[in-house]
C-alpha atoms as a PDB file:
ATOM      1  CA  MET A   1       0.000   0.000   0.000  1.00  0.00           C
ATOM      2  CA  PRO A   2       2.735   2.611   0.822  1.00  0.00           C
ATOM      3  CA  SER A   3       4.327   2.069  -2.594  1.00  0.00           C
ATOM      4  CA  LEU A   4       1.127   3.341  -4.310  1.00  0.00           C
ATOM      5  CA  LEU A   5       1.097   6.617  -2.393  1.00  0.00           C
ATOM      6  CA  PRO A   6       3.812   8.480  -4.411  1.00  0.00           C
ATOM      7  CA  GLY A   7       2.112   7.554  -7.697  1.00  0.00           C
ATOM      8  CA  VAL A   8      -1.244   8.875  -6.513  1.00  0.00           C
ATOM      9  CA  LEU A   9       0.195  12.113  -5.085  1.00  0.00           C
ATOM     10  CA  ALA A  10       2.174  12.827  -8.254  1.00  0.00           C
ATOM     11  CA  GLN A  11      -1.054  13.062 -10.260  1.00  0.00           C
ATOM     12  CA  VAL A  12      -2.463  16.038  -8.357  1.00  0.00           C
ATOM     13  CA  ASP A  13      -2.759  19.305 -10.298  1.00  0.00           C
ATOM     14  CA  ALA A  14      -3.860  22.723  -9.074  1.00  0.00           C
ATOM     15  CA  ASN A  15      -4.300  25.916 -11.088  1.00  0.00           C
ATOM     16  CA  PRO A  16      -5.495  28.699  -8.771  1.00  0.00           C
ATOM     17  CA  THR A  17      -7.989  31.036 -10.382  1.00  0.00           C
ATOM     18  CA  SER A  18     -10.922  33.101  -9.206  1.00  0.00           C
ATOM     19  CA  GLN A  19     -12.760  32.688 -12.499  1.00  0.00           C
ATOM     20  CA  GLY A  20     -16.280  31.472 -11.851  1.00  0.00           C
ATOM     21  CA  LEU A  21     -15.856  31.554  -8.075  1.00  0.00           C
ATOM     22  CA  PRO A  22     -19.038  32.835  -6.416  1.00  0.00           C
ATOM     23  CA  GLY A  23     -18.210  35.954  -4.441  1.00  0.00           C
ATOM     24  CA  ALA A  24     -14.708  36.336  -5.901  1.00  0.00           C
ATOM     25  CA  GLN A  25     -15.167  40.086  -6.389  1.00  0.00           C
ATOM     26  CA  LEU A  26     -16.343  40.471  -2.792  1.00  0.00           C
ATOM     27  CA  LEU A  27     -13.347  38.512  -1.507  1.00  0.00           C
ATOM     28  CA  GLN A  28     -10.977  40.661  -3.574  1.00  0.00           C
ATOM     29  CA  GLN A  29     -12.640  43.823  -2.279  1.00  0.00           C
ATOM     30  CA  MET A  30     -12.325  42.566   1.312  1.00  0.00           C
ATOM     31  CA  ILE A  31      -8.613  41.837   0.791  1.00  0.00           C
ATOM     32  CA  ASP A  32      -8.173  45.349  -0.650  1.00  0.00           C
ATOM     33  CA  TRP A  33      -9.947  46.801   2.396  1.00  0.00           C
ATOM     34  CA  LEU A  34      -7.763  44.769   4.734  1.00  0.00           C
ATOM     35  CA  SER A  35      -4.670  46.090   2.992  1.00  0.00           C
ATOM     36  CA  GLN A  36      -5.974  49.651   3.376  1.00  0.00           C
ATOM     37  CA  VAL A  37      -6.657  49.107   7.085  1.00  0.00           C
ATOM     38  CA  ALA A  38      -3.114  47.756   7.477  1.00  0.00           C
ATOM     39  CA  LEU A  39      -1.728  50.909   5.866  1.00  0.00           C
ATOM     40  CA  TRP A  40      -3.855  53.155   8.086  1.00  0.00           C
ATOM     41  CA  GLY A  41      -2.692  51.226  11.138  1.00  0.00           C
ATOM     42  CA  SER A  42       0.906  51.572  10.026  1.00  0.00           C
ATOM     43  CA  LEU A  43       0.508  55.312   9.558  1.00  0.00           C
ATOM     44  CA  ALA A  44      -1.109  55.646  12.981  1.00  0.00           C
ATOM     45  CA  SER A  45       1.741  53.673  14.540  1.00  0.00           C
ATOM     46  CA  ILE A  46       4.377  55.869  12.895  1.00  0.00           C
ATOM     47  CA  LEU A  47       2.675  59.108  13.925  1.00  0.00           C
ATOM     48  CA  LEU A  48       1.902  57.943  17.462  1.00  0.00           C
ATOM     49  CA  GLY A  49       5.434  56.602  17.858  1.00  0.00           C
ATOM     50  CA  ALA A  50       6.907  59.885  16.681  1.00  0.00           C
ATOM     51  CA  ALA A  51       4.734  61.836  19.112  1.00  0.00           C
ATOM     52  CA  ILE A  52       5.598  59.556  22.033  1.00  0.00           C
ATOM     53  CA  TYR A  53       9.288  59.683  21.150  1.00  0.00           C
ATOM     54  CA  GLY A  54       9.325  63.470  20.943  1.00  0.00           C
ATOM     55  CA  LEU A  55       7.396  64.030  24.160  1.00  0.00           C
ATOM     56  CA  ALA A  56       9.338  61.391  26.065  1.00  0.00           C
ATOM     57  CA  GLN A  57      12.702  62.791  24.996  1.00  0.00           C
ATOM     58  CA  GLN A  58      11.688  66.306  26.029  1.00  0.00           C
ATOM     59  CA  SER A  59      10.620  65.096  29.463  1.00  0.00           C
ATOM     60  CA  GLY A  60      13.685  62.899  30.001  1.00  0.00           C
ATOM     61  CA  ASN A  61      11.693  59.663  29.853  1.00  0.00           C
ATOM     62  CA  TYR A  62      14.136  57.454  27.997  1.00  0.00           C
ATOM     63  CA  ALA A  63      12.002  54.318  28.372  1.00  0.00           C
ATOM     64  CA  GLY A  64       9.141  56.182  26.713  1.00  0.00           C
ATOM     65  CA  GLY A  65      11.482  57.370  23.992  1.00  0.00           C
ATOM     66  CA  TYR A  66      12.485  53.788  23.307  1.00  0.00           C
ATOM     67  CA  ARG A  67       8.812  52.778  23.127  1.00  0.00           C
ATOM     68  CA  GLY A  68       8.144  55.597  20.679  1.00  0.00           C
ATOM     69  CA  LYS A  69      10.969  54.380  18.459  1.00  0.00           C
ATOM     70  CA  GLN A  70       9.545  50.857  18.631  1.00  0.00           C
ATOM     71  CA  LEU A  71       6.097  52.054  17.545  1.00  0.00           C
ATOM     72  CA  ALA A  72       7.480  54.116  14.676  1.00  0.00           C
ATOM     73  CA  LEU A  73       9.657  51.250  13.447  1.00  0.00           C
ATOM     74  CA  ALA A  74       6.744  48.816  13.755  1.00  0.00           C
ATOM     75  CA  GLY A  75       4.658  51.131  11.575  1.00  0.00           C
ATOM     76  CA  VAL A  76       7.369  51.247   8.921  1.00  0.00           C
ATOM     77  CA  ILE A  77       7.704  47.460   8.935  1.00  0.00           C
ATOM     78  CA  GLY A  78       3.918  47.061   8.800  1.00  0.00           C
ATOM     79  CA  ALA A  79       3.660  49.367   5.791  1.00  0.00           C
ATOM     80  CA  CYS A  80       6.448  47.478   4.019  1.00  0.00           C
ATOM     81  CA  LEU A  81       4.775  44.137   4.684  1.00  0.00           C
ATOM     82  CA  ALA A  82       1.373  45.398   3.542  1.00  0.00           C
ATOM     83  CA  GLY A  83       2.891  46.679   0.319  1.00  0.00           C
ATOM     84  CA  VAL A  84       5.087  43.707  -0.482  1.00  0.00           C
ATOM     85  CA  ALA A  85       2.694  40.912   0.578  1.00  0.00           C
ATOM     86  CA  PRO A  86       0.866  40.434  -2.760  1.00  0.00           C
ATOM     87  CA  THR A  87       4.119  40.540  -4.719  1.00  0.00           C
ATOM     88  CA  ALA A  88       5.802  38.098  -2.342  1.00  0.00           C
ATOM     89  CA  ILE A  89       2.902  35.643  -2.505  1.00  0.00           C
ATOM     90  CA  ASN A  90       2.893  35.702  -6.309  1.00  0.00           C
ATOM     91  CA  MET A  91       6.683  35.420  -6.472  1.00  0.00           C
ATOM     92  CA  PHE A  92       6.796  32.421  -4.118  1.00  0.00           C
ATOM     93  CA  PHE A  93       3.950  30.733  -5.984  1.00  0.00           C
ATOM     94  CA  GLN A  94       5.756  31.205  -9.292  1.00  0.00           C
ATOM     95  CA  ALA A  95       9.018  29.972  -7.756  1.00  0.00           C
ATOM     96  CA  ALA A  96       7.242  26.834  -6.579  1.00  0.00           C
ATOM     97  CA  GLY A  97       6.225  26.081 -10.146  1.00  0.00           C
ATOM     98  CA  GLY A  98       2.753  27.598 -10.218  1.00  0.00           C
END
C-alpha cells in the first residue's frame, strides 16, 4: 500500500484562479480593504510613535522614547509588509512552479 502513495500524489494538479468563483469580487474587495486598514494602522503607529518619542525625549523619559521608536519602526515594517505581501505571494507561488 505505501508504494502506491507516491504515484497517486504525483497526479495532483492545481491551477489557482478566481474565475467562476461565487463571491470572488467580494473577496478581492475585502482583501483590498484589509490592505488599506493595514496601511492606516501603520501610519497611525508611525505618527503615534513619533509623538511619544518626541514628548518622552523632552521630558527625560528614555524608556518612553524607546517605546516611541519601537512604535514608529513597527509602523514602517507594517507598511512594508502590507505593500510587499501580494508581490511576495505571487513570487513564491511562481518559484514553486505555479
